[in-house]
Amino acid sequence: MNYLSTRGDRTPRRFCEILLEGLAPDGGLYLPERYPQVDAAMLARWRGLSYAGLAFEILSLYIDDIPPADLKRLVHATYTEATFGTRAITPLKKPRHPPMSQQTSPGRTAPARAVEKFNS
């Protein structure tokens, strides 16, 4: 799979070329040239996989220049209970208190009020 810059540099680069590069030379971010399709059958096969197993399957869609056995070993060595402190790796936790939201505007915004005033 090739990756291209979001700022127009059309030079295709492989995953291993961009892994430690950070931004593209033109200052853009790297995005895949194409996005893999995930269908219902694939999702069904993924159900029940461990976190590391699922991560390997998803990463394999985007990384094809690291041998699968090496990628699998890296992923399974990374997503461990010892590293994350829990077997769930990224557990879902319920908040202790009901979630709250904050109102960010007391009604119409100042620019909207200015336009209304200007048009009246």
PDB file of N, CA and C in Angstrom:
ATOM      1  N   MET A   1       0.849  -1.181   0.000  1.00  0.00           N
ATOM      2  CA  MET A   1       0.000   0.000   0.000  1.00  0.00           C
ATOM      3  C   MET A   1       0.884   1.229   0.000  1.00  0.00           C
ATOM      4  N   ASN A   2       0.459   2.221  -0.744  1.00  0.00           N
ATOM      5  CA  ASN A   2       1.183   3.482  -0.807  1.00  0.00           C
ATOM      6  C   ASN A   2       0.451   4.556  -0.018  1.00  0.00           C
ATOM      7  N   TYR A   3       1.231   5.511   0.456  1.00  0.00           N
ATOM      8  CA  TYR A   3       0.714   6.649   1.204  1.00  0.00           C
ATOM      9  C   TYR A   3       1.118   7.918   0.480  1.00  0.00           C
ATOM     10  N   LEU A   4       0.206   8.906   0.481  1.00  0.00           N
ATOM     11  CA  LEU A   4       0.430  10.178  -0.192  1.00  0.00           C
ATOM     12  C   LEU A   4       0.231  11.326   0.790  1.00  0.00           C
ATOM     13  N   SER A   5       0.862  12.446   0.500  1.00  0.00           N
ATOM     14  CA  SER A   5       0.728  13.625   1.346  1.00  0.00           C
ATOM     15  C   SER A   5      -0.608  14.325   1.107  1.00  0.00           C
ATOM     16  N   THR A   6      -1.144  14.909   2.153  1.00  0.00           N
ATOM     17  CA  THR A   6      -2.381  15.688   2.026  1.00  0.00           C
ATOM     18  C   THR A   6      -2.132  17.059   1.400  1.00  0.00           C
ATOM     19  N   ARG A   7      -0.878  17.441   1.229  1.00  0.00           N
ATOM     20  CA  ARG A   7      -0.580  18.766   0.665  1.00  0.00           C
ATOM     21  C   ARG A   7      -0.168  18.720  -0.800  1.00  0.00           C
ATOM     22  N   GLY A   8      -0.379  17.577  -1.439  1.00  0.00           N
ATOM     23  CA  GLY A   8      -0.181  17.553  -2.874  1.00  0.00           C
ATOM     24  C   GLY A   8       1.037  16.815  -3.381  1.00  0.00           C
ATOM     25  N   ASP A   9       2.003  16.492  -2.547  1.00  0.00           N
ATOM     26  CA  ASP A   9       3.151  15.707  -3.011  1.00  0.00           C
ATOM     27  C   ASP A   9       2.627  14.340  -3.414  1.00  0.00           C
ATOM     28  N   ARG A  10       2.700  14.014  -4.693  1.00  0.00           N
ATOM     29  CA  ARG A  10       2.127  12.768  -5.220  1.00  0.00           C
ATOM     30  C   ARG A  10       3.134  11.620  -5.225  1.00  0.00           C
ATOM     31  N   THR A  11       4.268  11.779  -4.542  1.00  0.00           N
ATOM     32  CA  THR A  11       5.257  10.703  -4.479  1.00  0.00           C
ATOM     33  C   THR A  11       4.727   9.590  -3.582  1.00  0.00           C
ATOM     34  N   PRO A  12       4.449   8.412  -4.137  1.00  0.00           N
ATOM     35  CA  PRO A  12       3.940   7.331  -3.293  1.00  0.00           C
ATOM     36  C   PRO A  12       5.047   6.787  -2.394  1.00  0.00           C
ATOM     37  N   ARG A  13       4.690   6.563  -1.144  1.00  0.00           N
ATOM     38  CA  ARG A  13       5.653   6.032  -0.179  1.00  0.00           C
ATOM     39  C   ARG A  13       5.042   4.839   0.539  1.00  0.00           C
ATOM     40  N   ARG A  14       5.878   3.897   0.880  1.00  0.00           N
ATOM     41  CA  ARG A  14       5.449   2.704   1.598  1.00  0.00           C
ATOM     42  C   ARG A  14       5.394   3.010   3.094  1.00  0.00           C
ATOM     43  N   PHE A  15       4.710   2.154   3.841  1.00  0.00           N
ATOM     44  CA  PHE A  15       4.553   2.353   5.275  1.00  0.00           C
ATOM     45  C   PHE A  15       5.906   2.470   5.974  1.00  0.00           C
ATOM     46  N   CYS A  16       6.821   1.555   5.677  1.00  0.00           N
ATOM     47  CA  CYS A  16       8.126   1.583   6.358  1.00  0.00           C
ATOM     48  C   CYS A  16       8.922   2.843   6.042  1.00  0.00           C
ATOM     49  N   GLU A  17       8.645   3.485   4.909  1.00  0.00           N
ATOM     50  CA  GLU A  17       9.323   4.734   4.569  1.00  0.00           C
ATOM     51  C   GLU A  17       8.814   5.898   5.414  1.00  0.00           C
ATOM     52  N   ILE A  18       7.539   5.871   5.769  1.00  0.00           N
ATOM     53  CA  ILE A  18       6.946   7.015   6.470  1.00  0.00           C
ATOM     54  C   ILE A  18       6.832   6.805   7.973  1.00  0.00           C
ATOM     55  N   LEU A  19       7.055   5.588   8.431  1.00  0.00           N
ATOM     56  CA  LEU A  19       6.832   5.250   9.845  1.00  0.00           C
ATOM     57  C   LEU A  19       7.498   6.236  10.793  1.00  0.00           C
ATOM     58  N   LEU A  20       8.745   6.541  10.589  1.00  0.00           N
ATOM     59  CA  LEU A  20       9.471   7.428  11.498  1.00  0.00           C
ATOM     60  C   LEU A  20       9.678   8.828  10.922  1.00  0.00           C
ATOM     61  N   GLU A  21       9.106   9.076   9.761  1.00  0.00           N
ATOM     62  CA  GLU A  21       9.312  10.356   9.093  1.00  0.00           C
ATOM     63  C   GLU A  21       8.500  11.488   9.706  1.00  0.00           C
ATOM     64  N   GLY A  22       7.322  11.199  10.228  1.00  0.00           N
ATOM     65  CA  GLY A  22       6.457  12.256  10.729  1.00  0.00           C
ATOM     66  C   GLY A  22       5.690  12.867   9.585  1.00  0.00           C
ATOM     67  N   LEU A  23       5.815  14.169   9.416  1.00  0.00           N
ATOM     68  CA  LEU A  23       5.132  14.852   8.317  1.00  0.00           C
ATOM     69  C   LEU A  23       5.827  14.581   6.993  1.00  0.00           C
ATOM     70  N   ALA A  24       5.064  14.694   5.920  1.00  0.00           N
ATOM     71  CA  ALA A  24       5.631  14.576   4.582  1.00  0.00           C
ATOM     72  C   ALA A  24       6.557  15.767   4.334  1.00  0.00           C
ATOM     73  N   PRO A  25       7.462  15.658   3.370  1.00  0.00           N
ATOM     74  CA  PRO A  25       8.381  16.770   3.093  1.00  0.00           C
ATOM     75  C   PRO A  25       7.672  18.097   2.807  1.00  0.00           C
ATOM     76  N   ASP A  26       6.460  18.053   2.264  1.00  0.00           N
ATOM     77  CA  ASP A  26       5.726  19.292   1.975  1.00  0.00           C
ATOM     78  C   ASP A  26       4.891  19.765   3.165  1.00  0.00           C
ATOM     79  N   GLY A  27       5.063  19.107   4.325  1.00  0.00           N
ATOM     80  CA  GLY A  27       4.340  19.509   5.533  1.00  0.00           C
ATOM     81  C   GLY A  27       2.991  18.845   5.696  1.00  0.00           C
ATOM     82  N   GLY A  28       2.601  18.005   4.764  1.00  0.00           N
ATOM     83  CA  GLY A  28       1.302  17.337   4.845  1.00  0.00           C
ATOM     84  C   GLY A  28       1.344  16.077   5.689  1.00  0.00           C
ATOM     85  N   LEU A  29       0.169  15.561   5.954  1.00  0.00           N
ATOM     86  CA  LEU A  29       0.043  14.286   6.635  1.00  0.00           C
ATOM     87  C   LEU A  29      -0.007  13.190   5.578  1.00  0.00           C
ATOM     88  N   TYR A  30       0.380  11.995   5.961  1.00  0.00           N
ATOM     89  CA  TYR A  30       0.291  10.873   5.032  1.00  0.00           C
ATOM     90  C   TYR A  30      -1.041  10.153   5.200  1.00  0.00           C
ATOM     91  N   LEU A  31      -1.701   9.892   4.096  1.00  0.00           N
ATOM     92  CA  LEU A  31      -2.930   9.107   4.080  1.00  0.00           C
ATOM     93  C   LEU A  31      -2.769   7.983   3.071  1.00  0.00           C
ATOM     94  N   PRO A  32      -3.474   6.875   3.301  1.00  0.00           N
ATOM     95  CA  PRO A  32      -3.387   5.787   2.323  1.00  0.00           C
ATOM     96  C   PRO A  32      -3.898   6.240   0.959  1.00  0.00           C
ATOM     97  N   GLU A  33      -3.291   5.707  -0.082  1.00  0.00           N
ATOM     98  CA  GLU A  33      -3.714   6.009  -1.449  1.00  0.00           C
ATOM     99  C   GLU A  33      -5.147   5.530  -1.687  1.00  0.00           C
ATOM    100  N   ARG A  34      -5.513   4.445  -1.039  1.00  0.00           N
ATOM    101  CA  ARG A  34      -6.869   3.900  -1.100  1.00  0.00           C
ATOM    102  C   ARG A  34      -7.181   3.310   0.273  1.00  0.00           C
ATOM    103  N   TYR A  35      -8.454   3.237   0.583  1.00  0.00           N
ATOM    104  CA  TYR A  35      -8.870   2.657   1.858  1.00  0.00           C
ATOM    105  C   TYR A  35      -9.424   1.255   1.636  1.00  0.00           C
ATOM    106  N   PRO A  36      -8.945   0.294   2.410  1.00  0.00           N
ATOM    107  CA  PRO A  36      -9.456  -1.070   2.265  1.00  0.00           C
ATOM    108  C   PRO A  36     -10.939  -1.131   2.619  1.00  0.00           C
ATOM    109  N   GLN A  37     -11.649  -2.010   1.948  1.00  0.00           N
ATOM    110  CA  GLN A  37     -13.067  -2.209   2.219  1.00  0.00           C
ATOM    111  C   GLN A  37     -13.225  -3.299   3.282  1.00  0.00           C
ATOM    112  N   VAL A  38     -14.073  -3.046   4.242  1.00  0.00           N
ATOM    113  CA  VAL A  38     -14.378  -4.019   5.289  1.00  0.00           C
ATOM    114  C   VAL A  38     -15.847  -4.379   5.132  1.00  0.00           C
ATOM    115  N   ASP A  39     -16.102  -5.649   4.888  1.00  0.00           N
ATOM    116  CA  ASP A  39     -17.487  -6.071   4.684  1.00  0.00           C
ATOM    117  C   ASP A  39     -18.011  -6.848   5.893  1.00  0.00           C
ATOM    118  N   ALA A  40     -19.256  -7.213   5.833  1.00  0.00           N
ATOM    119  CA  ALA A  40     -19.898  -7.908   6.955  1.00  0.00           C
ATOM    120  C   ALA A  40     -19.215  -9.236   7.266  1.00  0.00           C
ATOM    121  N   ALA A  41     -18.776  -9.953   6.239  1.00  0.00           N
ATOM    122  CA  ALA A  41     -18.104 -11.231   6.466  1.00  0.00           C
ATOM    123  C   ALA A  41     -16.791 -11.038   7.223  1.00  0.00           C
ATOM    124  N   MET A  42     -16.065  -9.982   6.876  1.00  0.00           N
ATOM    125  CA  MET A  42     -14.806  -9.695   7.561  1.00  0.00           C
ATOM    126  C   MET A  42     -15.075  -9.325   9.019  1.00  0.00           C
ATOM    127  N   LEU A  43     -16.084  -8.487   9.238  1.00  0.00           N
ATOM    128  CA  LEU A  43     -16.439  -8.118  10.613  1.00  0.00           C
ATOM    129  C   LEU A  43     -16.832  -9.350  11.420  1.00  0.00           C
ATOM    130  N   ALA A  44     -17.565 -10.263  10.811  1.00  0.00           N
ATOM    131  CA  ALA A  44     -17.967 -11.497  11.494  1.00  0.00           C
ATOM    132  C   ALA A  44     -16.742 -12.322  11.872  1.00  0.00           C
ATOM    133  N   ARG A  45     -15.755 -12.391  10.973  1.00  0.00           N
ATOM    134  CA  ARG A  45     -14.526 -13.139  11.287  1.00  0.00           C
ATOM    135  C   ARG A  45     -13.759 -12.485  12.431  1.00  0.00           C
ATOM    136  N   TRP A  46     -13.854 -11.167  12.541  1.00  0.00           N
ATOM    137  CA  TRP A  46     -13.108 -10.450  13.576  1.00  0.00           C
ATOM    138  C   TRP A  46     -13.741 -10.551  14.960  1.00  0.00           C
ATOM    139  N   ARG A  47     -15.039 -10.843  15.016  1.00  0.00           N
ATOM    140  CA  ARG A  47     -15.710 -10.914  16.314  1.00  0.00           C
ATOM    141  C   ARG A  47     -15.042 -11.974  17.179  1.00  0.00           C
ATOM    142  N   GLY A  48     -14.823 -11.637  18.404  1.00  0.00           N
ATOM    143  CA  GLY A  48     -14.240 -12.602  19.328  1.00  0.00           C
ATOM    144  C   GLY A  48     -12.720 -12.620  19.344  1.00  0.00           C
ATOM    145  N   LEU A  49     -12.087 -11.854  18.460  1.00  0.00           N
ATOM    146  CA  LEU A  49     -10.625 -11.797  18.487  1.00  0.00           C
ATOM    147  C   LEU A  49     -10.167 -11.027  19.718  1.00  0.00           C
ATOM    148  N   SER A  50      -8.982 -11.327  20.168  1.00  0.00           N
ATOM    149  CA  SER A  50      -8.384 -10.537  21.246  1.00  0.00           C
ATOM    150  C   SER A  50      -8.076  -9.139  20.707  1.00  0.00           C
ATOM    151  N   TYR A  51      -7.774  -8.215  21.609  1.00  0.00           N
ATOM    152  CA  TYR A  51      -7.430  -6.861  21.174  1.00  0.00           C
ATOM    153  C   TYR A  51      -6.251  -6.914  20.214  1.00  0.00           C
ATOM    154  N   ALA A  52      -5.210  -7.670  20.584  1.00  0.00           N
ATOM    155  CA  ALA A  52      -4.023  -7.786  19.733  1.00  0.00           C
ATOM    156  C   ALA A  52      -4.366  -8.454  18.408  1.00  0.00           C
ATOM    157  N   GLY A  53      -5.217  -9.463  18.442  1.00  0.00           N
ATOM    158  CA  GLY A  53      -5.616 -10.134  17.213  1.00  0.00           C
ATOM    159  C   GLY A  53      -6.357  -9.206  16.271  1.00  0.00           C
ATOM    160  N   LEU A  54      -7.272  -8.405  16.827  1.00  0.00           N
ATOM    161  CA  LEU A  54      -8.017  -7.441  16.014  1.00  0.00           C
ATOM    162  C   LEU A  54      -7.086  -6.354  15.484  1.00  0.00           C
ATOM    163  N   ALA A  55      -6.181  -5.861  16.336  1.00  0.00           N
ATOM    164  CA  ALA A  55      -5.224  -4.843  15.895  1.00  0.00           C
ATOM    165  C   ALA A  55      -4.385  -5.364  14.731  1.00  0.00           C
ATOM    166  N   PHE A  56      -3.945  -6.617  14.823  1.00  0.00           N
ATOM    167  CA  PHE A  56      -3.169  -7.207  13.726  1.00  0.00           C
ATOM    168  C   PHE A  56      -3.978  -7.246  12.435  1.00  0.00           C
ATOM    169  N   GLU A  57      -5.218  -7.671  12.510  1.00  0.00           N
ATOM    170  CA  GLU A  57      -6.056  -7.758  11.310  1.00  0.00           C
ATOM    171  C   GLU A  57      -6.248  -6.390  10.667  1.00  0.00           C
ATOM    172  N   ILE A  58      -6.509  -5.376  11.478  1.00  0.00           N
ATOM    173  CA  ILE A  58      -6.726  -4.026  10.943  1.00  0.00           C
ATOM    174  C   ILE A  58      -5.424  -3.446  10.390  1.00  0.00           C
ATOM    175  N   LEU A  59      -4.340  -3.570  11.154  1.00  0.00           N
ATOM    176  CA  LEU A  59      -3.059  -3.047  10.681  1.00  0.00           C
ATOM    177  C   LEU A  59      -2.606  -3.738   9.401  1.00  0.00           C
ATOM    178  N   SER A  60      -2.914  -5.013   9.267  1.00  0.00           N
ATOM    179  CA  SER A  60      -2.533  -5.766   8.065  1.00  0.00           C
ATOM    180  C   SER A  60      -3.179  -5.190   6.806  1.00  0.00           C
ATOM    181  N   LEU A  61      -4.315  -4.519   6.963  1.00  0.00           N
ATOM    182  CA  LEU A  61      -4.965  -3.887   5.818  1.00  0.00           C
ATOM    183  C   LEU A  61      -4.168  -2.690   5.298  1.00  0.00           C
ATOM    184  N   TYR A  62      -3.362  -2.090   6.179  1.00  0.00           N
ATOM    185  CA  TYR A  62      -2.644  -0.866   5.846  1.00  0.00           C
ATOM    186  C   TYR A  62      -1.130  -1.049   5.737  1.00  0.00           C
ATOM    187  N   ILE A  63      -0.626  -2.158   6.252  1.00  0.00           N
ATOM    188  CA  ILE A  63       0.824  -2.389   6.271  1.00  0.00           C
ATOM    189  C   ILE A  63       1.109  -3.684   5.528  1.00  0.00           C
ATOM    190  N   ASP A  64       1.654  -3.544   4.318  1.00  0.00           N
ATOM    191  CA  ASP A  64       1.966  -4.751   3.553  1.00  0.00           C
ATOM    192  C   ASP A  64       3.455  -4.892   3.257  1.00  0.00           C
ATOM    193  N   ASP A  65       4.273  -4.023   3.851  1.00  0.00           N
ATOM    194  CA  ASP A  65       5.712  -4.141   3.632  1.00  0.00           C
ATOM    195  C   ASP A  65       6.463  -4.616   4.875  1.00  0.00           C
ATOM    196  N   ILE A  66       5.746  -5.098   5.854  1.00  0.00           N
ATOM    197  CA  ILE A  66       6.320  -5.818   6.999  1.00  0.00           C
ATOM    198  C   ILE A  66       5.768  -7.230   6.894  1.00  0.00           C
ATOM    199  N   PRO A  67       6.628  -8.238   6.899  1.00  0.00           N
ATOM    200  CA  PRO A  67       6.118  -9.604   6.795  1.00  0.00           C
ATOM    201  C   PRO A  67       5.051  -9.873   7.857  1.00  0.00           C
ATOM    202  N   PRO A  68       3.946 -10.524   7.474  1.00  0.00           N
ATOM    203  CA  PRO A  68       2.845 -10.764   8.414  1.00  0.00           C
ATOM    204  C   PRO A  68       3.280 -11.399   9.739  1.00  0.00           C
ATOM    205  N   ALA A  69       4.178 -12.340   9.700  1.00  0.00           N
ATOM    206  CA  ALA A  69       4.627 -12.986  10.946  1.00  0.00           C
ATOM    207  C   ALA A  69       5.325 -11.977  11.855  1.00  0.00           C
ATOM    208  N   ASP A  70       6.123 -11.082  11.279  1.00  0.00           N
ATOM    209  CA  ASP A  70       6.810 -10.055  12.070  1.00  0.00           C
ATOM    210  C   ASP A  70       5.816  -9.050  12.638  1.00  0.00           C
ATOM    211  N   LEU A  71       4.858  -8.626  11.809  1.00  0.00           N
ATOM    212  CA  LEU A  71       3.845  -7.675  12.278  1.00  0.00           C
ATOM    213  C   LEU A  71       3.030  -8.290  13.412  1.00  0.00           C
ATOM    214  N   LYS A  72       2.656  -9.535  13.256  1.00  0.00           N
ATOM    215  CA  LYS A  72       1.873 -10.219  14.293  1.00  0.00           C
ATOM    216  C   LYS A  72       2.668 -10.297  15.599  1.00  0.00           C
ATOM    217  N   ARG A  73       3.944 -10.624  15.500  1.00  0.00           N
ATOM    218  CA  ARG A  73       4.791 -10.693  16.688  1.00  0.00           C
ATOM    219  C   ARG A  73       4.898  -9.323  17.366  1.00  0.00           C
ATOM    220  N   LEU A  74       5.091  -8.266  16.576  1.00  0.00           N
ATOM    221  CA  LEU A  74       5.180  -6.913  17.123  1.00  0.00           C
ATOM    222  C   LEU A  74       3.889  -6.502  17.830  1.00  0.00           C
ATOM    223  N   VAL A  75       2.763  -6.765  17.175  1.00  0.00           N
ATOM    224  CA  VAL A  75       1.466  -6.383  17.738  1.00  0.00           C
ATOM    225  C   VAL A  75       1.196  -7.150  19.039  1.00  0.00           C
ATOM    226  N   HIS A  76       1.456  -8.448  19.027  1.00  0.00           N
ATOM    227  CA  HIS A  76       1.191  -9.250  20.229  1.00  0.00           C
ATOM    228  C   HIS A  76       2.175  -8.932  21.357  1.00  0.00           C
ATOM    229  N   ALA A  77       3.352  -8.428  21.031  1.00  0.00           N
ATOM    230  CA  ALA A  77       4.299  -8.005  22.061  1.00  0.00           C
ATOM    231  C   ALA A  77       3.946  -6.626  22.615  1.00  0.00           C
ATOM    232  N   THR A  78       3.206  -5.851  21.837  1.00  0.00           N
ATOM    233  CA  THR A  78       2.844  -4.489  22.247  1.00  0.00           C
ATOM    234  C   THR A  78       1.582  -4.464  23.094  1.00  0.00           C
ATOM    235  N   TYR A  79       0.534  -5.118  22.651  1.00  0.00           N
ATOM    236  CA  TYR A  79      -0.757  -5.076  23.339  1.00  0.00           C
ATOM    237  C   TYR A  79      -0.843  -6.200  24.355  1.00  0.00           C
ATOM    238  N   THR A  80      -0.241  -5.955  25.508  1.00  0.00           N
ATOM    239  CA  THR A  80      -0.205  -6.965  26.567  1.00  0.00           C
ATOM    240  C   THR A  80      -0.749  -6.401  27.870  1.00  0.00           C
ATOM    241  N   GLU A  81      -1.164  -7.291  28.734  1.00  0.00           N
ATOM    242  CA  GLU A  81      -1.625  -6.895  30.066  1.00  0.00           C
ATOM    243  C   GLU A  81      -0.504  -6.198  30.828  1.00  0.00           C
ATOM    244  N   ALA A  82       0.714  -6.666  30.671  1.00  0.00           N
ATOM    245  CA  ALA A  82       1.850  -6.057  31.370  1.00  0.00           C
ATOM    246  C   ALA A  82       2.052  -4.607  30.938  1.00  0.00           C
ATOM    247  N   THR A  83       1.847  -4.329  29.662  1.00  0.00           N
ATOM    248  CA  THR A  83       2.042  -2.974  29.149  1.00  0.00           C
ATOM    249  C   THR A  83       0.905  -2.042  29.559  1.00  0.00           C
ATOM    250  N   PHE A  84      -0.343  -2.530  29.474  1.00  0.00           N
ATOM    251  CA  PHE A  84      -1.510  -1.679  29.688  1.00  0.00           C
ATOM    252  C   PHE A  84      -2.104  -1.798  31.088  1.00  0.00           C
ATOM    253  N   GLY A  85      -1.635  -2.754  31.881  1.00  0.00           N
ATOM    254  CA  GLY A  85      -2.112  -2.881  33.252  1.00  0.00           C
ATOM    255  C   GLY A  85      -3.454  -3.562  33.402  1.00  0.00           C
ATOM    256  N   THR A  86      -4.003  -4.083  32.327  1.00  0.00           N
ATOM    257  CA  THR A  86      -5.273  -4.786  32.372  1.00  0.00           C
ATOM    258  C   THR A  86      -5.357  -5.744  31.192  1.00  0.00           C
ATOM    259  N   ARG A  87      -5.988  -6.872  31.412  1.00  0.00           N
ATOM    260  CA  ARG A  87      -6.147  -7.857  30.335  1.00  0.00           C
ATOM    261  C   ARG A  87      -7.014  -7.309  29.201  1.00  0.00           C
ATOM    262  N   ALA A  88      -7.916  -6.389  29.529  1.00  0.00           N
ATOM    263  CA  ALA A  88      -8.817  -5.807  28.521  1.00  0.00           C
ATOM    264  C   ALA A  88      -8.103  -4.814  27.595  1.00  0.00           C
ATOM    265  N   ILE A  89      -6.890  -4.426  27.903  1.00  0.00           N
ATOM    266  CA  ILE A  89      -6.074  -3.455  27.167  1.00  0.00           C
ATOM    267  C   ILE A  89      -6.708  -2.058  27.211  1.00  0.00           C
ATOM    268  N   THR A  90      -7.889  -1.880  26.668  1.00  0.00           N
ATOM    269  CA  THR A  90      -8.575  -0.580  26.693  1.00  0.00           C
ATOM    270  C   THR A  90      -9.996  -0.791  27.211  1.00  0.00           C
ATOM    271  N   PRO A  91     -10.137  -0.975  28.514  1.00  0.00           N
ATOM    272  CA  PRO A  91     -11.466  -1.276  29.052  1.00  0.00           C
ATOM    273  C   PRO A  91     -12.406  -0.079  28.985  1.00  0.00           C
ATOM    274  N   LEU A  92     -13.685  -0.377  28.853  1.00  0.00           N
ATOM    275  CA  LEU A  92     -14.706   0.663  28.936  1.00  0.00           C
ATOM    276  C   LEU A  92     -15.070   0.825  30.403  1.00  0.00           C
ATOM    277  N   LYS A  93     -15.153   2.046  30.842  1.00  0.00           N
ATOM    278  CA  LYS A  93     -15.503   2.326  32.240  1.00  0.00           C
ATOM    279  C   LYS A  93     -16.687   3.263  32.268  1.00  0.00           C
ATOM    280  N   LYS A  94     -17.624   2.959  33.148  1.00  0.00           N
ATOM    281  CA  LYS A  94     -18.769   3.853  33.328  1.00  0.00           C
ATOM    282  C   LYS A  94     -18.339   5.012  34.213  1.00  0.00           C
ATOM    283  N   PRO A  95     -18.806   6.210  33.891  1.00  0.00           N
ATOM    284  CA  PRO A  95     -18.471   7.344  34.755  1.00  0.00           C
ATOM    285  C   PRO A  95     -19.134   7.187  36.114  1.00  0.00           C
ATOM    286  N   ARG A  96     -18.475   7.704  37.137  1.00  0.00           N
ATOM    287  CA  ARG A  96     -19.031   7.608  38.490  1.00  0.00           C
ATOM    288  C   ARG A  96     -20.232   8.516  38.660  1.00  0.00           C
ATOM    289  N   HIS A  97     -20.269   9.593  37.923  1.00  0.00           N
ATOM    290  CA  HIS A  97     -21.359  10.557  38.010  1.00  0.00           C
ATOM    291  C   HIS A  97     -22.008  10.669  36.628  1.00  0.00           C
ATOM    292  N   PRO A  98     -23.261  11.083  36.588  1.00  0.00           N
ATOM    293  CA  PRO A  98     -23.879  11.251  35.265  1.00  0.00           C
ATOM    294  C   PRO A  98     -23.083  12.242  34.429  1.00  0.00           C
ATOM    295  N   PRO A  99     -22.922  11.966  33.152  1.00  0.00           N
ATOM    296  CA  PRO A  99     -22.183  12.916  32.315  1.00  0.00           C
ATOM    297  C   PRO A  99     -22.918  14.246  32.221  1.00  0.00           C
ATOM    298  N   MET A 100     -22.156  15.298  32.096  1.00  0.00           N
ATOM    299  CA  MET A 100     -22.736  16.634  31.971  1.00  0.00           C
ATOM    300  C   MET A 100     -22.282  17.241  30.655  1.00  0.00           C
ATOM    301  N   SER A 101     -23.048  18.181  30.163  1.00  0.00           N
ATOM    302  CA  SER A 101     -22.626  18.926  28.989  1.00  0.00           C
ATOM    303  C   SER A 101     -22.624  20.398  29.354  1.00  0.00           C
ATOM    304  N   GLN A 102     -21.841  21.153  28.636  1.00  0.00           N
ATOM    305  CA  GLN A 102     -21.722  22.570  28.928  1.00  0.00           C
ATOM    306  C   GLN A 102     -22.290  23.371  27.775  1.00  0.00           C
ATOM    307  N   GLN A 103     -23.125  24.339  28.118  1.00  0.00           N
ATOM    308  CA  GLN A 103     -23.656  25.232  27.099  1.00  0.00           C
ATOM    309  C   GLN A 103     -22.553  26.204  26.724  1.00  0.00           C
ATOM    310  N   THR A 104     -22.275  26.313  25.444  1.00  0.00           N
ATOM    311  CA  THR A 104     -21.186  27.178  25.010  1.00  0.00           C
ATOM    312  C   THR A 104     -21.662  28.501  24.448  1.00  0.00           C
ATOM    313  N   SER A 105     -22.990  28.666  24.288  1.00  0.00           N
ATOM    314  CA  SER A 105     -23.507  29.908  23.747  1.00  0.00           C
ATOM    315  C   SER A 105     -24.884  30.169  24.352  1.00  0.00           C
ATOM    316  N   PRO A 106     -25.126  31.394  24.814  1.00  0.00           N
ATOM    317  CA  PRO A 106     -26.430  31.711  25.392  1.00  0.00           C
ATOM    318  C   PRO A 106     -27.463  32.087  24.338  1.00  0.00           C
ATOM    319  N   GLY A 107     -27.466  31.395  23.230  1.00  0.00           N
ATOM    320  CA  GLY A 107     -28.429  31.717  22.170  1.00  0.00           C
ATOM    321  C   GLY A 107     -27.708  32.022  20.888  1.00  0.00           C
ATOM    322  N   ARG A 108     -28.246  32.993  20.159  1.00  0.00           N
ATOM    323  CA  ARG A 108     -27.615  33.365  18.892  1.00  0.00           C
ATOM    324  C   ARG A 108     -26.202  33.883  19.131  1.00  0.00           C
ATOM    325  N   THR A 109     -25.338  33.615  18.202  1.00  0.00           N
ATOM    326  CA  THR A 109     -23.957  34.063  18.350  1.00  0.00           C
ATOM    327  C   THR A 109     -23.839  35.552  18.037  1.00  0.00           C
ATOM    328  N   ALA A 110     -22.763  36.158  18.506  1.00  0.00           N
ATOM    329  CA  ALA A 110     -22.534  37.577  18.259  1.00  0.00           C
ATOM    330  C   ALA A 110     -22.489  37.895  16.763  1.00  0.00           C
ATOM    331  N   PRO A 111     -21.815  37.062  15.938  1.00  0.00           N
ATOM    332  CA  PRO A 111     -21.838  37.360  14.499  1.00  0.00           C
ATOM    333  C   PRO A 111     -23.247  37.303  13.911  1.00  0.00           C
ATOM    334  N   ALA A 112     -24.064  36.366  14.365  1.00  0.00           N
ATOM    335  CA  ALA A 112     -25.440  36.287  13.855  1.00  0.00           C
ATOM    336  C   ALA A 112     -26.225  37.518  14.253  1.00  0.00           C
ATOM    337  N   ARG A 113     -26.041  37.991  15.489  1.00  0.00           N
ATOM    338  CA  ARG A 113     -26.730  39.203  15.930  1.00  0.00           C
ATOM    339  C   ARG A 113     -26.256  40.410  15.129  1.00  0.00           C
ATOM    340  N   ALA A 114     -24.963  40.478  14.807  1.00  0.00           N
ATOM    341  CA  ALA A 114     -24.425  41.605  14.032  1.00  0.00           C
ATOM    342  C   ALA A 114     -25.020  41.617  12.624  1.00  0.00           C
ATOM    343  N   VAL A 115     -25.144  40.452  11.994  1.00  0.00           N
ATOM    344  CA  VAL A 115     -25.734  40.367  10.654  1.00  0.00           C
ATOM    345  C   VAL A 115     -27.183  40.824  10.704  1.00  0.00           C
ATOM    346  N   GLU A 116     -27.924  40.390  11.721  1.00  0.00           N
ATOM    347  CA  GLU A 116     -29.338  40.786  11.858  1.00  0.00           C
ATOM    348  C   GLU A 116     -29.438  42.290  12.018  1.00  0.00           C
ATOM    349  N   LYS A 117     -28.568  42.875  12.843  1.00  0.00           N
ATOM    350  CA  LYS A 117     -28.582  44.316  13.074  1.00  0.00           C
ATOM    351  C   LYS A 117     -28.246  45.066  11.790  1.00  0.00           C
ATOM    352  N   PHE A 118     -27.240  44.558  11.062  1.00  0.00           N
ATOM    353  CA  PHE A 118     -26.829  45.200   9.810  1.00  0.00           C
ATOM    354  C   PHE A 118     -27.949  45.155   8.775  1.00  0.00           C
ATOM    355  N   ASN A 119     -28.703  44.056   8.727  1.00  0.00           N
ATOM    356  CA  ASN A 119     -29.778  43.899   7.731  1.00  0.00           C
ATOM    357  C   ASN A 119     -31.074  44.586   8.138  1.00  0.00           C
ATOM    358  N   SER A 120     -31.155  45.115   9.345  1.00  0.00           N
ATOM    359  CA  SER A 120     -32.423  45.735   9.769  1.00  0.00           C
ATOM    360  C   SER A 120     -32.454  47.215   9.487  1.00  0.00           C
TER     361      SER A 120
END
